[in-house]
Amino acid sequence: MMKRVIGFALFFMAIGMFIMMLLPNLVWGVIVLVLLLIAGYRLFCC
């Protein structure tokens, strides 16, 4: 079970890094990062 969670996290970290390369502005990247962290926390803990 833990291997699947770690794999899931690593996969989406890679997708996030790819998206950050495509965003032209660092501010938008930080906004997207904060929103996804909040969403991930809510989905994982609730």
N, C-alpha and C. Protein backbone atom coordinates (compact mmCIF):
# COMPACT_ATOMS: atom_id res chain seq x y z
N MET A 1 0.82 -1.20 0.00
CA MET A 1 0.00 0.00 0.00
C MET A 1 0.87 1.26 0.00
N MET A 2 1.91 1.29 0.82
CA MET A 2 2.75 2.48 0.91
C MET A 2 3.51 2.71 -0.39
N LYS A 3 3.90 1.64 -1.09
CA LYS A 3 4.59 1.79 -2.37
C LYS A 3 3.69 2.50 -3.38
N ARG A 4 2.40 2.18 -3.36
CA ARG A 4 1.47 2.82 -4.28
C ARG A 4 1.33 4.30 -3.98
N VAL A 5 1.27 4.65 -2.70
CA VAL A 5 1.14 6.06 -2.32
C VAL A 5 2.38 6.84 -2.72
N ILE A 6 3.56 6.28 -2.48
CA ILE A 6 4.81 6.94 -2.85
C ILE A 6 4.91 7.08 -4.37
N GLY A 7 4.55 6.04 -5.09
CA GLY A 7 4.56 6.10 -6.55
C GLY A 7 3.60 7.14 -7.08
N PHE A 8 2.41 7.21 -6.49
CA PHE A 8 1.41 8.21 -6.86
C PHE A 8 1.96 9.62 -6.64
N ALA A 9 2.59 9.84 -5.49
CA ALA A 9 3.15 11.15 -5.17
C ALA A 9 4.27 11.52 -6.13
N LEU A 10 5.18 10.59 -6.40
CA LEU A 10 6.30 10.87 -7.31
C LEU A 10 5.82 11.16 -8.72
N PHE A 11 4.82 10.42 -9.18
CA PHE A 11 4.27 10.63 -10.52
C PHE A 11 3.71 12.05 -10.65
N PHE A 12 2.94 12.47 -9.66
CA PHE A 12 2.34 13.79 -9.77
C PHE A 12 3.33 14.91 -9.47
N MET A 13 4.39 14.63 -8.73
CA MET A 13 5.46 15.62 -8.58
C MET A 13 6.13 15.86 -9.93
N ALA A 14 6.33 14.80 -10.70
CA ALA A 14 6.93 14.94 -12.03
C ALA A 14 6.01 15.74 -12.95
N ILE A 15 4.72 15.48 -12.88
CA ILE A 15 3.77 16.25 -13.69
C ILE A 15 3.81 17.72 -13.28
N GLY A 16 3.89 17.97 -11.98
CA GLY A 16 3.95 19.35 -11.49
C GLY A 16 5.20 20.07 -11.96
N MET A 17 6.34 19.38 -11.96
CA MET A 17 7.58 19.99 -12.45
C MET A 17 7.47 20.32 -13.94
N PHE A 18 6.82 19.45 -14.69
CA PHE A 18 6.63 19.71 -16.11
C PHE A 18 5.76 20.94 -16.32
N ILE A 19 4.68 21.05 -15.56
CA ILE A 19 3.79 22.21 -15.67
C ILE A 19 4.53 23.49 -15.28
N MET A 20 5.38 23.41 -14.24
CA MET A 20 6.14 24.59 -13.84
C MET A 20 7.08 25.07 -14.94
N MET A 21 7.61 24.14 -15.74
CA MET A 21 8.48 24.54 -16.85
C MET A 21 7.68 25.29 -17.92
N LEU A 22 6.39 24.97 -18.04
CA LEU A 22 5.57 25.60 -19.07
C LEU A 22 5.03 26.96 -18.64
N LEU A 23 4.90 27.21 -17.32
CA LEU A 23 4.36 28.48 -16.86
C LEU A 23 5.41 29.58 -17.03
N PRO A 24 5.01 30.72 -17.60
CA PRO A 24 5.98 31.78 -17.86
C PRO A 24 6.36 32.59 -16.63
N ASN A 25 5.52 32.58 -15.61
CA ASN A 25 5.71 33.47 -14.48
C ASN A 25 5.79 32.66 -13.19
N LEU A 26 6.74 32.99 -12.34
CA LEU A 26 6.92 32.28 -11.07
C LEU A 26 5.72 32.47 -10.14
N VAL A 27 5.09 33.65 -10.19
CA VAL A 27 3.96 33.93 -9.30
C VAL A 27 2.81 32.97 -9.59
N TRP A 28 2.52 32.74 -10.87
CA TRP A 28 1.45 31.79 -11.22
C TRP A 28 1.80 30.38 -10.75
N GLY A 29 3.06 30.03 -10.84
CA GLY A 29 3.50 28.71 -10.37
C GLY A 29 3.28 28.54 -8.88
N VAL A 30 3.57 29.58 -8.11
CA VAL A 30 3.38 29.52 -6.67
C VAL A 30 1.90 29.44 -6.33
N ILE A 31 1.07 30.19 -7.05
CA ILE A 31 -0.38 30.14 -6.80
C ILE A 31 -0.92 28.74 -7.08
N VAL A 32 -0.52 28.16 -8.21
CA VAL A 32 -0.95 26.81 -8.55
C VAL A 32 -0.46 25.81 -7.51
N LEU A 33 0.78 25.97 -7.08
CA LEU A 33 1.35 25.08 -6.07
C LEU A 33 0.55 25.12 -4.78
N VAL A 34 0.22 26.30 -4.29
CA VAL A 34 -0.53 26.42 -3.04
C VAL A 34 -1.92 25.81 -3.19
N LEU A 35 -2.58 26.07 -4.30
CA LEU A 35 -3.93 25.50 -4.51
C LEU A 35 -3.89 23.97 -4.55
N LEU A 36 -2.89 23.41 -5.22
CA LEU A 36 -2.79 21.96 -5.31
C LEU A 36 -2.40 21.34 -3.97
N LEU A 37 -1.57 22.03 -3.19
CA LEU A 37 -1.24 21.52 -1.86
C LEU A 37 -2.47 21.48 -0.96
N ILE A 38 -3.28 22.52 -1.01
CA ILE A 38 -4.50 22.55 -0.21
C ILE A 38 -5.45 21.45 -0.67
N ALA A 39 -5.63 21.30 -1.98
CA ALA A 39 -6.52 20.26 -2.48
C ALA A 39 -6.02 18.86 -2.12
N GLY A 40 -4.72 18.64 -2.24
CA GLY A 40 -4.16 17.34 -1.91
C GLY A 40 -4.32 17.02 -0.43
N TYR A 41 -4.11 18.02 0.41
CA TYR A 41 -4.27 17.82 1.85
C TYR A 41 -5.71 17.47 2.19
N ARG A 42 -6.65 18.19 1.59
CA ARG A 42 -8.06 17.94 1.86
C ARG A 42 -8.48 16.54 1.39
N LEU A 43 -7.99 16.13 0.22
CA LEU A 43 -8.34 14.82 -0.31
C LEU A 43 -7.70 13.70 0.50
N PHE A 44 -6.47 13.90 0.97
CA PHE A 44 -5.75 12.85 1.67
C PHE A 44 -6.25 12.69 3.11
N CYS A 45 -6.55 13.81 3.77
CA CYS A 45 -6.87 13.76 5.20
C CYS A 45 -8.37 13.67 5.49
N CYS A 46 -9.22 14.04 4.55
CA CYS A 46 -10.66 14.05 4.83
C CYS A 46 -11.39 12.95 4.11
